[in-house]
Amino acid sequence: MRRRIVILLLIIVSFILQSTVFQSLSIGSIAPNLLLILTVSFGFMRGKKTGLWTGFVCGLMIDMFYGNLLGFYALVYMTAGYITGFCYKIYYDEDIKVPMILIAVCDIGYNLMVYCLQFLLRGRIDFFYYLRRIMIPEMVYTILITLVFYRILYKINHKLVELEMKERDSTWLRK
C-alpha cells in the first residue's frame, strides 16, 4: 500500500513539474517527458504490472488535462510501461545505461505513435520535419534529464524495497 501511495505522489509531482517548471525551461518549445521517464523507470525496476499501472495513471493525467481524446495517452504510456517491464529480469542496481536506452527507445516510440495517430491521419505528412524538430530534440532533452531523475527514482525504489523487506521480516508476522 505504501508503494502505491509513493508512486501516486511521484506521478503527481512529475506531472506538476512537467507542466510548469520544465515548460518554462523548454528549449525551442521542446520539454522533457518526465512522466515517460517515471513510467519506464518503474516498469524497468518493478516489472510489467507496476509499469502498466504507472503508465496508465500518467497517461490518464495527460488525457484529462491536455488531451482531446480520453484514453489515447493512457494507452501509449501503458504500452511503454508494460514493454519495459519485460526488461525487469535484467535490472541491475545503479546501472543507468539500460534505463537510458529504454527511455530513448520509448520516447521515439511515443513520438512515432503521436505522429501517426494525431498528425499523419490529418494529412500532415512531413515526417522528417517532425523527426528533426520534435522527436530527436525531445529524446535528447529527456535523456539528459534522465541522468538526474533516474537516480532519484532509483533511491526511492531502493528505500521502498528496504521497507518492504523490513515489514516482511517483522516480528509481528512470525509464528
N, C-alpha and C. Protein backbone atom coordinates (compact mmCIF):
# COMPACT_ATOMS: atom_id res chain seq x y z
N MET A 1 0.82 -1.19 0.00
CA MET A 1 0.00 0.00 0.00
C MET A 1 0.87 1.26 0.00
N ARG A 2 1.95 1.20 0.79
CA ARG A 2 2.84 2.36 0.88
C ARG A 2 3.47 2.64 -0.49
N ARG A 3 3.84 1.58 -1.20
CA ARG A 3 4.47 1.74 -2.51
C ARG A 3 3.51 2.42 -3.48
N ARG A 4 2.25 2.04 -3.47
CA ARG A 4 1.27 2.65 -4.37
C ARG A 4 1.07 4.12 -4.08
N ILE A 5 1.05 4.48 -2.81
CA ILE A 5 0.89 5.89 -2.44
C ILE A 5 2.10 6.69 -2.89
N VAL A 6 3.30 6.14 -2.68
CA VAL A 6 4.52 6.83 -3.09
C VAL A 6 4.56 7.00 -4.60
N ILE A 7 4.19 5.97 -5.34
CA ILE A 7 4.18 6.07 -6.81
C ILE A 7 3.15 7.10 -7.27
N LEU A 8 1.98 7.12 -6.64
CA LEU A 8 0.97 8.12 -6.99
C LEU A 8 1.47 9.53 -6.71
N LEU A 9 2.14 9.73 -5.58
CA LEU A 9 2.71 11.04 -5.27
C LEU A 9 3.80 11.42 -6.28
N LEU A 10 4.61 10.45 -6.67
CA LEU A 10 5.64 10.71 -7.68
C LEU A 10 5.02 11.10 -9.02
N ILE A 11 3.92 10.45 -9.37
CA ILE A 11 3.23 10.79 -10.61
C ILE A 11 2.71 12.22 -10.56
N ILE A 12 2.10 12.58 -9.45
CA ILE A 12 1.56 13.94 -9.31
C ILE A 12 2.67 14.98 -9.35
N VAL A 13 3.76 14.73 -8.62
CA VAL A 13 4.89 15.67 -8.61
C VAL A 13 5.51 15.78 -10.00
N SER A 14 5.69 14.65 -10.67
CA SER A 14 6.27 14.67 -12.02
C SER A 14 5.36 15.41 -13.00
N PHE A 15 4.05 15.19 -12.88
CA PHE A 15 3.11 15.88 -13.76
C PHE A 15 3.17 17.39 -13.53
N ILE A 16 3.21 17.79 -12.28
CA ILE A 16 3.28 19.23 -11.97
C ILE A 16 4.59 19.82 -12.47
N LEU A 17 5.70 19.13 -12.25
CA LEU A 17 6.99 19.63 -12.74
C LEU A 17 7.02 19.70 -14.26
N GLN A 18 6.49 18.68 -14.92
CA GLN A 18 6.47 18.66 -16.39
C GLN A 18 5.58 19.77 -16.93
N SER A 19 4.49 20.05 -16.25
CA SER A 19 3.53 21.04 -16.74
C SER A 19 3.94 22.47 -16.44
N THR A 20 4.74 22.68 -15.41
CA THR A 20 5.06 24.06 -15.01
C THR A 20 6.54 24.38 -15.19
N VAL A 21 7.38 23.80 -14.37
CA VAL A 21 8.80 24.16 -14.35
C VAL A 21 9.49 23.84 -15.66
N PHE A 22 9.30 22.63 -16.16
CA PHE A 22 10.00 22.23 -17.38
C PHE A 22 9.39 22.86 -18.63
N GLN A 23 8.16 23.32 -18.56
CA GLN A 23 7.61 24.08 -19.69
C GLN A 23 8.29 25.44 -19.81
N SER A 24 8.63 26.02 -18.65
CA SER A 24 9.34 27.30 -18.70
C SER A 24 10.82 27.12 -19.04
N LEU A 25 11.35 25.92 -18.83
CA LEU A 25 12.73 25.61 -19.20
C LEU A 25 12.83 24.95 -20.57
N SER A 26 11.77 25.00 -21.34
CA SER A 26 11.77 24.35 -22.65
C SER A 26 12.73 25.06 -23.60
N ILE A 27 13.33 24.27 -24.45
CA ILE A 27 14.27 24.78 -25.44
C ILE A 27 13.62 24.61 -26.81
N GLY A 28 13.29 25.70 -27.45
CA GLY A 28 12.63 25.63 -28.75
C GLY A 28 11.29 24.93 -28.67
N SER A 29 10.55 25.19 -27.62
CA SER A 29 9.23 24.60 -27.31
C SER A 29 9.30 23.08 -27.13
N ILE A 30 10.48 22.56 -26.80
CA ILE A 30 10.66 21.14 -26.52
C ILE A 30 10.95 21.00 -25.03
N ALA A 31 10.16 20.17 -24.35
CA ALA A 31 10.34 19.93 -22.92
C ALA A 31 10.55 18.43 -22.71
N PRO A 32 11.28 18.06 -21.65
CA PRO A 32 11.48 16.63 -21.39
C PRO A 32 10.20 15.98 -20.91
N ASN A 33 10.08 14.71 -21.14
CA ASN A 33 8.89 13.95 -20.78
C ASN A 33 9.15 13.20 -19.47
N LEU A 34 8.91 13.86 -18.35
CA LEU A 34 9.16 13.27 -17.04
C LEU A 34 8.25 12.08 -16.76
N LEU A 35 7.03 12.14 -17.22
CA LEU A 35 6.11 11.03 -16.97
C LEU A 35 6.54 9.77 -17.72
N LEU A 36 7.14 9.95 -18.86
CA LEU A 36 7.67 8.78 -19.59
C LEU A 36 8.88 8.21 -18.85
N ILE A 37 9.72 9.08 -18.32
CA ILE A 37 10.87 8.62 -17.52
C ILE A 37 10.37 7.83 -16.32
N LEU A 38 9.35 8.35 -15.65
CA LEU A 38 8.79 7.68 -14.48
C LEU A 38 8.19 6.33 -14.84
N THR A 39 7.43 6.29 -15.91
CA THR A 39 6.79 5.05 -16.34
C THR A 39 7.81 4.00 -16.73
N VAL A 40 8.78 4.38 -17.53
CA VAL A 40 9.79 3.43 -17.98
C VAL A 40 10.66 2.97 -16.80
N SER A 41 10.99 3.89 -15.91
CA SER A 41 11.83 3.53 -14.77
C SER A 41 11.14 2.53 -13.86
N PHE A 42 9.88 2.77 -13.53
CA PHE A 42 9.20 1.84 -12.65
C PHE A 42 8.84 0.53 -13.36
N GLY A 43 8.62 0.58 -14.65
CA GLY A 43 8.44 -0.66 -15.40
C GLY A 43 9.71 -1.49 -15.38
N PHE A 44 10.83 -0.82 -15.51
CA PHE A 44 12.13 -1.49 -15.52
C PHE A 44 12.51 -2.00 -14.13
N MET A 45 12.26 -1.19 -13.09
CA MET A 45 12.68 -1.56 -11.74
C MET A 45 11.71 -2.51 -11.04
N ARG A 46 10.41 -2.44 -11.38
CA ARG A 46 9.41 -3.19 -10.63
C ARG A 46 8.68 -4.27 -11.43
N GLY A 47 8.73 -4.20 -12.75
CA GLY A 47 8.10 -5.23 -13.55
C GLY A 47 6.94 -4.72 -14.39
N LYS A 48 6.33 -5.66 -15.13
CA LYS A 48 5.28 -5.33 -16.11
C LYS A 48 4.05 -4.72 -15.46
N LYS A 49 3.60 -5.30 -14.36
CA LYS A 49 2.36 -4.85 -13.74
C LYS A 49 2.48 -3.42 -13.20
N THR A 50 3.57 -3.13 -12.51
CA THR A 50 3.77 -1.77 -11.99
C THR A 50 3.96 -0.79 -13.14
N GLY A 51 4.71 -1.19 -14.16
CA GLY A 51 4.90 -0.32 -15.32
C GLY A 51 3.59 -0.03 -16.03
N LEU A 52 2.75 -1.04 -16.14
CA LEU A 52 1.45 -0.88 -16.79
C LEU A 52 0.57 0.11 -16.03
N TRP A 53 0.45 -0.07 -14.72
CA TRP A 53 -0.41 0.81 -13.93
C TRP A 53 0.16 2.22 -13.79
N THR A 54 1.48 2.32 -13.67
CA THR A 54 2.10 3.65 -13.62
C THR A 54 1.86 4.38 -14.94
N GLY A 55 2.04 3.69 -16.05
CA GLY A 55 1.79 4.28 -17.35
C GLY A 55 0.34 4.68 -17.55
N PHE A 56 -0.58 3.85 -17.05
CA PHE A 56 -2.00 4.16 -17.18
C PHE A 56 -2.34 5.44 -16.44
N VAL A 57 -1.88 5.58 -15.21
CA VAL A 57 -2.19 6.78 -14.42
C VAL A 57 -1.52 8.01 -15.02
N CYS A 58 -0.27 7.88 -15.45
CA CYS A 58 0.43 9.01 -16.08
C CYS A 58 -0.30 9.45 -17.35
N GLY A 59 -0.64 8.50 -18.19
CA GLY A 59 -1.34 8.83 -19.43
C GLY A 59 -2.72 9.39 -19.19
N LEU A 60 -3.41 8.87 -18.20
CA LEU A 60 -4.74 9.38 -17.87
C LEU A 60 -4.68 10.82 -17.38
N MET A 61 -3.64 11.16 -16.64
CA MET A 61 -3.50 12.55 -16.19
C MET A 61 -3.28 13.48 -17.38
N ILE A 62 -2.46 13.05 -18.33
CA ILE A 62 -2.25 13.88 -19.53
C ILE A 62 -3.54 13.98 -20.33
N ASP A 63 -4.26 12.86 -20.46
CA ASP A 63 -5.54 12.88 -21.18
C ASP A 63 -6.53 13.83 -20.55
N MET A 64 -6.63 13.80 -19.24
CA MET A 64 -7.62 14.64 -18.55
C MET A 64 -7.29 16.12 -18.64
N PHE A 65 -6.02 16.47 -18.59
CA PHE A 65 -5.66 17.88 -18.56
C PHE A 65 -5.32 18.47 -19.92
N TYR A 66 -4.75 17.67 -20.82
CA TYR A 66 -4.29 18.22 -22.09
C TYR A 66 -4.83 17.52 -23.33
N GLY A 67 -5.29 16.31 -23.19
CA GLY A 67 -5.70 15.53 -24.36
C GLY A 67 -7.08 15.91 -24.86
N ASN A 68 -7.28 15.69 -26.14
CA ASN A 68 -8.61 15.92 -26.71
C ASN A 68 -9.33 14.60 -26.95
N LEU A 69 -8.67 13.49 -26.65
CA LEU A 69 -9.25 12.17 -26.80
C LEU A 69 -8.89 11.37 -25.55
N LEU A 70 -9.88 11.05 -24.74
CA LEU A 70 -9.65 10.37 -23.47
C LEU A 70 -9.18 8.93 -23.72
N GLY A 71 -8.03 8.60 -23.19
CA GLY A 71 -7.51 7.26 -23.28
C GLY A 71 -6.35 7.08 -24.24
N PHE A 72 -6.10 8.06 -25.10
CA PHE A 72 -5.03 7.91 -26.08
C PHE A 72 -3.66 7.85 -25.39
N TYR A 73 -3.36 8.85 -24.58
CA TYR A 73 -2.06 8.87 -23.90
C TYR A 73 -1.98 7.78 -22.84
N ALA A 74 -3.11 7.42 -22.24
CA ALA A 74 -3.11 6.31 -21.28
C ALA A 74 -2.66 5.03 -21.98
N LEU A 75 -3.14 4.80 -23.18
CA LEU A 75 -2.75 3.62 -23.94
C LEU A 75 -1.27 3.65 -24.32
N VAL A 76 -0.80 4.82 -24.72
CA VAL A 76 0.60 4.95 -25.13
C VAL A 76 1.53 4.71 -23.94
N TYR A 77 1.23 5.34 -22.82
CA TYR A 77 2.08 5.18 -21.64
C TYR A 77 1.97 3.76 -21.05
N MET A 78 0.78 3.18 -21.09
CA MET A 78 0.62 1.80 -20.62
C MET A 78 1.47 0.85 -21.45
N THR A 79 1.48 1.06 -22.74
CA THR A 79 2.29 0.22 -23.62
C THR A 79 3.77 0.35 -23.29
N ALA A 80 4.22 1.58 -23.08
CA ALA A 80 5.63 1.80 -22.74
C ALA A 80 5.99 1.14 -21.41
N GLY A 81 5.14 1.28 -20.41
CA GLY A 81 5.41 0.67 -19.11
C GLY A 81 5.39 -0.84 -19.15
N TYR A 82 4.46 -1.39 -19.91
CA TYR A 82 4.37 -2.85 -19.99
C TYR A 82 5.55 -3.44 -20.75
N ILE A 83 5.93 -2.82 -21.85
CA ILE A 83 7.04 -3.33 -22.64
C ILE A 83 8.36 -3.25 -21.87
N THR A 84 8.58 -2.15 -21.16
CA THR A 84 9.82 -2.06 -20.38
C THR A 84 9.80 -3.00 -19.18
N GLY A 85 8.63 -3.41 -18.76
CA GLY A 85 8.54 -4.38 -17.67
C GLY A 85 9.14 -5.72 -18.03
N PHE A 86 9.22 -6.03 -19.32
CA PHE A 86 9.87 -7.26 -19.74
C PHE A 86 11.37 -7.26 -19.43
N CYS A 87 11.95 -6.07 -19.31
CA CYS A 87 13.38 -5.95 -19.02
C CYS A 87 13.68 -6.01 -17.52
N TYR A 88 12.66 -6.27 -16.73
CA TYR A 88 12.82 -6.36 -15.28
C TYR A 88 13.84 -7.43 -14.89
N LYS A 89 13.92 -8.48 -15.65
CA LYS A 89 14.84 -9.58 -15.35
C LYS A 89 16.31 -9.18 -15.50
N ILE A 90 16.58 -8.14 -16.30
CA ILE A 90 17.97 -7.71 -16.48
C ILE A 90 18.28 -6.46 -15.67
N TYR A 91 17.46 -6.18 -14.66
CA TYR A 91 17.64 -5.00 -13.83
C TYR A 91 18.85 -5.18 -12.92
N TYR A 92 19.79 -4.26 -12.99
CA TYR A 92 20.96 -4.26 -12.12
C TYR A 92 20.99 -2.93 -11.37
N ASP A 93 21.41 -2.99 -10.14
CA ASP A 93 21.48 -1.78 -9.32
C ASP A 93 22.46 -0.78 -9.91
N GLU A 94 22.05 0.45 -9.90
CA GLU A 94 22.86 1.61 -10.27
C GLU A 94 23.40 1.58 -11.71
N ASP A 95 22.89 0.73 -12.55
CA ASP A 95 23.29 0.72 -13.96
C ASP A 95 22.34 1.65 -14.71
N ILE A 96 22.86 2.73 -15.23
CA ILE A 96 21.99 3.72 -15.86
C ILE A 96 21.95 3.57 -17.38
N LYS A 97 22.81 2.74 -17.95
CA LYS A 97 22.84 2.61 -19.40
C LYS A 97 21.57 1.98 -19.96
N VAL A 98 21.12 0.89 -19.35
CA VAL A 98 19.92 0.21 -19.85
C VAL A 98 18.68 1.09 -19.72
N PRO A 99 18.45 1.75 -18.56
CA PRO A 99 17.28 2.64 -18.49
C PRO A 99 17.34 3.79 -19.50
N MET A 100 18.53 4.31 -19.74
CA MET A 100 18.64 5.41 -20.71
C MET A 100 18.29 4.93 -22.12
N ILE A 101 18.75 3.73 -22.47
CA ILE A 101 18.41 3.17 -23.79
C ILE A 101 16.91 2.92 -23.88
N LEU A 102 16.33 2.34 -22.82
CA LEU A 102 14.89 2.08 -22.81
C LEU A 102 14.09 3.37 -22.92
N ILE A 103 14.52 4.40 -22.20
CA ILE A 103 13.80 5.67 -22.25
C ILE A 103 13.94 6.30 -23.63
N ALA A 104 15.10 6.21 -24.24
CA ALA A 104 15.29 6.75 -25.59
C ALA A 104 14.39 6.03 -26.59
N VAL A 105 14.37 4.70 -26.52
CA VAL A 105 13.53 3.93 -27.44
C VAL A 105 12.05 4.22 -27.21
N CYS A 106 11.64 4.27 -25.94
CA CYS A 106 10.24 4.55 -25.64
C CYS A 106 9.84 5.97 -26.04
N ASP A 107 10.77 6.93 -25.91
CA ASP A 107 10.47 8.30 -26.32
C ASP A 107 10.27 8.38 -27.83
N ILE A 108 11.12 7.69 -28.58
CA ILE A 108 10.95 7.65 -30.04
C ILE A 108 9.64 6.95 -30.39
N GLY A 109 9.36 5.83 -29.72
CA GLY A 109 8.09 5.12 -29.96
C GLY A 109 6.89 5.95 -29.62
N TYR A 110 6.96 6.67 -28.49
CA TYR A 110 5.89 7.57 -28.07
C TYR A 110 5.64 8.64 -29.13
N ASN A 111 6.72 9.27 -29.59
CA ASN A 111 6.57 10.32 -30.59
C ASN A 111 6.09 9.77 -31.93
N LEU A 112 6.51 8.55 -32.29
CA LEU A 112 6.01 7.94 -33.53
C LEU A 112 4.51 7.67 -33.44
N MET A 113 4.06 7.17 -32.29
CA MET A 113 2.62 6.92 -32.13
C MET A 113 1.83 8.22 -32.18
N VAL A 114 2.35 9.25 -31.52
CA VAL A 114 1.67 10.55 -31.55
C VAL A 114 1.64 11.09 -32.97
N TYR A 115 2.76 10.99 -33.69
CA TYR A 115 2.79 11.47 -35.06
C TYR A 115 1.81 10.71 -35.95
N CYS A 116 1.85 9.39 -35.88
CA CYS A 116 0.99 8.58 -36.75
C CYS A 116 -0.49 8.79 -36.47
N LEU A 117 -0.85 8.85 -35.21
CA LEU A 117 -2.27 8.89 -34.87
C LEU A 117 -2.85 10.30 -34.71
N GLN A 118 -1.98 11.31 -34.61
CA GLN A 118 -2.54 12.65 -34.46
C GLN A 118 -2.14 13.60 -35.59
N PHE A 119 -1.06 13.34 -36.29
CA PHE A 119 -0.66 14.24 -37.36
C PHE A 119 -0.83 13.60 -38.74
N LEU A 120 -0.35 12.38 -38.89
CA LEU A 120 -0.40 11.72 -40.19
C LEU A 120 -1.84 11.52 -40.66
N LEU A 121 -2.72 11.17 -39.75
CA LEU A 121 -4.12 10.96 -40.13
C LEU A 121 -4.83 12.26 -40.50
N ARG A 122 -4.26 13.39 -40.14
CA ARG A 122 -4.83 14.69 -40.52
C ARG A 122 -4.24 15.23 -41.81
N GLY A 123 -3.35 14.46 -42.41
CA GLY A 123 -2.78 14.87 -43.69
C GLY A 123 -1.47 15.61 -43.59
N ARG A 124 -0.91 15.72 -42.40
CA ARG A 124 0.40 16.36 -42.23
C ARG A 124 1.46 15.28 -42.41
N ILE A 125 2.03 15.22 -43.61
CA ILE A 125 2.89 14.10 -43.94
C ILE A 125 4.38 14.43 -43.95
N ASP A 126 4.77 15.59 -43.44
CA ASP A 126 6.18 15.95 -43.41
C ASP A 126 6.86 15.31 -42.20
N PHE A 127 7.13 14.01 -42.32
CA PHE A 127 7.69 13.23 -41.22
C PHE A 127 9.08 13.70 -40.81
N PHE A 128 9.92 13.99 -41.79
CA PHE A 128 11.30 14.35 -41.48
C PHE A 128 11.39 15.70 -40.76
N TYR A 129 10.47 16.60 -41.03
CA TYR A 129 10.40 17.85 -40.27
C TYR A 129 10.07 17.55 -38.81
N TYR A 130 9.08 16.69 -38.57
CA TYR A 130 8.68 16.31 -37.22
C TYR A 130 9.82 15.57 -36.52
N LEU A 131 10.51 14.71 -37.26
CA LEU A 131 11.64 13.97 -36.70
C LEU A 131 12.76 14.92 -36.29
N ARG A 132 13.12 15.84 -37.16
CA ARG A 132 14.22 16.76 -36.93
C ARG A 132 13.90 17.81 -35.87
N ARG A 133 12.68 18.32 -35.87
CA ARG A 133 12.32 19.44 -34.99
C ARG A 133 11.73 19.03 -33.65
N ILE A 134 11.14 17.85 -33.56
CA ILE A 134 10.46 17.49 -32.31
C ILE A 134 11.01 16.19 -31.72
N MET A 135 11.04 15.12 -32.50
CA MET A 135 11.37 13.80 -31.95
C MET A 135 12.79 13.72 -31.40
N ILE A 136 13.76 14.05 -32.19
CA ILE A 136 15.16 13.92 -31.77
C ILE A 136 15.51 14.92 -30.65
N PRO A 137 15.13 16.21 -30.76
CA PRO A 137 15.43 17.11 -29.64
C PRO A 137 14.76 16.70 -28.32
N GLU A 138 13.50 16.22 -28.40
CA GLU A 138 12.84 15.79 -27.17
C GLU A 138 13.53 14.57 -26.58
N MET A 139 13.95 13.64 -27.43
CA MET A 139 14.64 12.46 -26.94
C MET A 139 15.95 12.84 -26.25
N VAL A 140 16.71 13.73 -26.85
CA VAL A 140 17.99 14.16 -26.26
C VAL A 140 17.76 14.86 -24.93
N TYR A 141 16.80 15.76 -24.90
CA TYR A 141 16.49 16.51 -23.66
C TYR A 141 15.99 15.56 -22.58
N THR A 142 15.16 14.60 -22.94
CA THR A 142 14.65 13.63 -21.97
C THR A 142 15.77 12.76 -21.44
N ILE A 143 16.70 12.36 -22.29
CA ILE A 143 17.83 11.53 -21.83
C ILE A 143 18.72 12.33 -20.89
N LEU A 144 18.95 13.60 -21.18
CA LEU A 144 19.77 14.42 -20.28
C LEU A 144 19.12 14.57 -18.90
N ILE A 145 17.81 14.74 -18.86
CA ILE A 145 17.11 14.85 -17.59
C ILE A 145 17.08 13.49 -16.88
N THR A 146 17.10 12.41 -17.65
CA THR A 146 17.11 11.06 -17.07
C THR A 146 18.33 10.84 -16.19
N LEU A 147 19.46 11.43 -16.55
CA LEU A 147 20.68 11.26 -15.76
C LEU A 147 20.46 11.65 -14.30
N VAL A 148 19.67 12.68 -14.05
CA VAL A 148 19.40 13.13 -12.68
C VAL A 148 18.15 12.45 -12.13
N PHE A 149 17.09 12.44 -12.90
CA PHE A 149 15.79 11.98 -12.43
C PHE A 149 15.79 10.48 -12.12
N TYR A 150 16.51 9.69 -12.90
CA TYR A 150 16.54 8.25 -12.67
C TYR A 150 17.23 7.92 -11.35
N ARG A 151 18.26 8.65 -11.01
CA ARG A 151 18.96 8.41 -9.74
C ARG A 151 18.03 8.65 -8.56
N ILE A 152 17.22 9.68 -8.65
CA ILE A 152 16.25 9.96 -7.58
C ILE A 152 15.22 8.83 -7.49
N LEU A 153 14.70 8.41 -8.64
CA LEU A 153 13.72 7.32 -8.66
C LEU A 153 14.34 6.02 -8.17
N TYR A 154 15.59 5.78 -8.51
CA TYR A 154 16.28 4.58 -8.04
C TYR A 154 16.38 4.57 -6.52
N LYS A 155 16.76 5.71 -5.94
CA LYS A 155 16.89 5.77 -4.48
C LYS A 155 15.54 5.59 -3.79
N ILE A 156 14.50 6.17 -4.36
CA ILE A 156 13.16 5.99 -3.79
C ILE A 156 12.74 4.53 -3.87
N ASN A 157 12.96 3.90 -5.01
CA ASN A 157 12.62 2.49 -5.16
C ASN A 157 13.43 1.61 -4.20
N HIS A 158 14.70 1.92 -4.06
CA HIS A 158 15.55 1.16 -3.15
C HIS A 158 15.04 1.28 -1.71
N LYS A 159 14.63 2.46 -1.32
CA LYS A 159 14.10 2.68 0.03
C LYS A 159 12.78 1.92 0.21
N LEU A 160 11.94 1.92 -0.80
CA LEU A 160 10.68 1.18 -0.72
C LEU A 160 10.91 -0.32 -0.60
N VAL A 161 11.87 -0.84 -1.34
CA VAL A 161 12.19 -2.26 -1.25
C VAL A 161 12.73 -2.59 0.13
N GLU A 162 13.57 -1.71 0.67
CA GLU A 162 14.09 -1.90 2.02
C GLU A 162 12.96 -1.96 3.05
N LEU A 163 12.03 -1.03 2.95
CA LEU A 163 10.90 -1.00 3.89
C LEU A 163 10.02 -2.24 3.74
N GLU A 164 9.82 -2.70 2.51
CA GLU A 164 9.02 -3.91 2.30
C GLU A 164 9.71 -5.13 2.89
N MET A 165 11.03 -5.18 2.80
CA MET A 165 11.78 -6.30 3.39
C MET A 165 11.70 -6.27 4.91
N LYS A 166 11.77 -5.08 5.50
CA LYS A 166 11.66 -4.97 6.95
C LYS A 166 10.28 -5.40 7.42
N GLU A 167 9.26 -5.00 6.67
CA GLU A 167 7.89 -5.41 7.03
C GLU A 167 7.74 -6.92 6.92
N ARG A 168 8.36 -7.50 5.93
CA ARG A 168 8.28 -8.94 5.73
C ARG A 168 8.96 -9.71 6.86
N ASP A 169 10.04 -9.15 7.38
CA ASP A 169 10.78 -9.79 8.45
C ASP A 169 10.33 -9.33 9.84
N SER A 170 9.22 -8.65 9.92
CA SER A 170 8.73 -8.12 11.18
C SER A 170 8.42 -9.24 12.16
N THR A 171 8.62 -8.97 13.44
CA THR A 171 8.32 -9.97 14.47
C THR A 171 6.84 -10.22 14.60
N TRP A 172 6.02 -9.31 14.17
CA TRP A 172 4.58 -9.48 14.23
C TRP A 172 4.11 -10.55 13.26
N LEU A 173 4.83 -10.71 12.18
CA LEU A 173 4.41 -11.65 11.16
C LEU A 173 4.93 -13.07 11.40
N ARG A 174 5.90 -13.20 12.29
CA ARG A 174 6.47 -14.52 12.57
C ARG A 174 5.54 -15.34 13.44
N LYS A 175 5.61 -16.63 13.27
CA LYS A 175 4.77 -17.52 14.10
C LYS A 175 5.52 -17.99 15.30
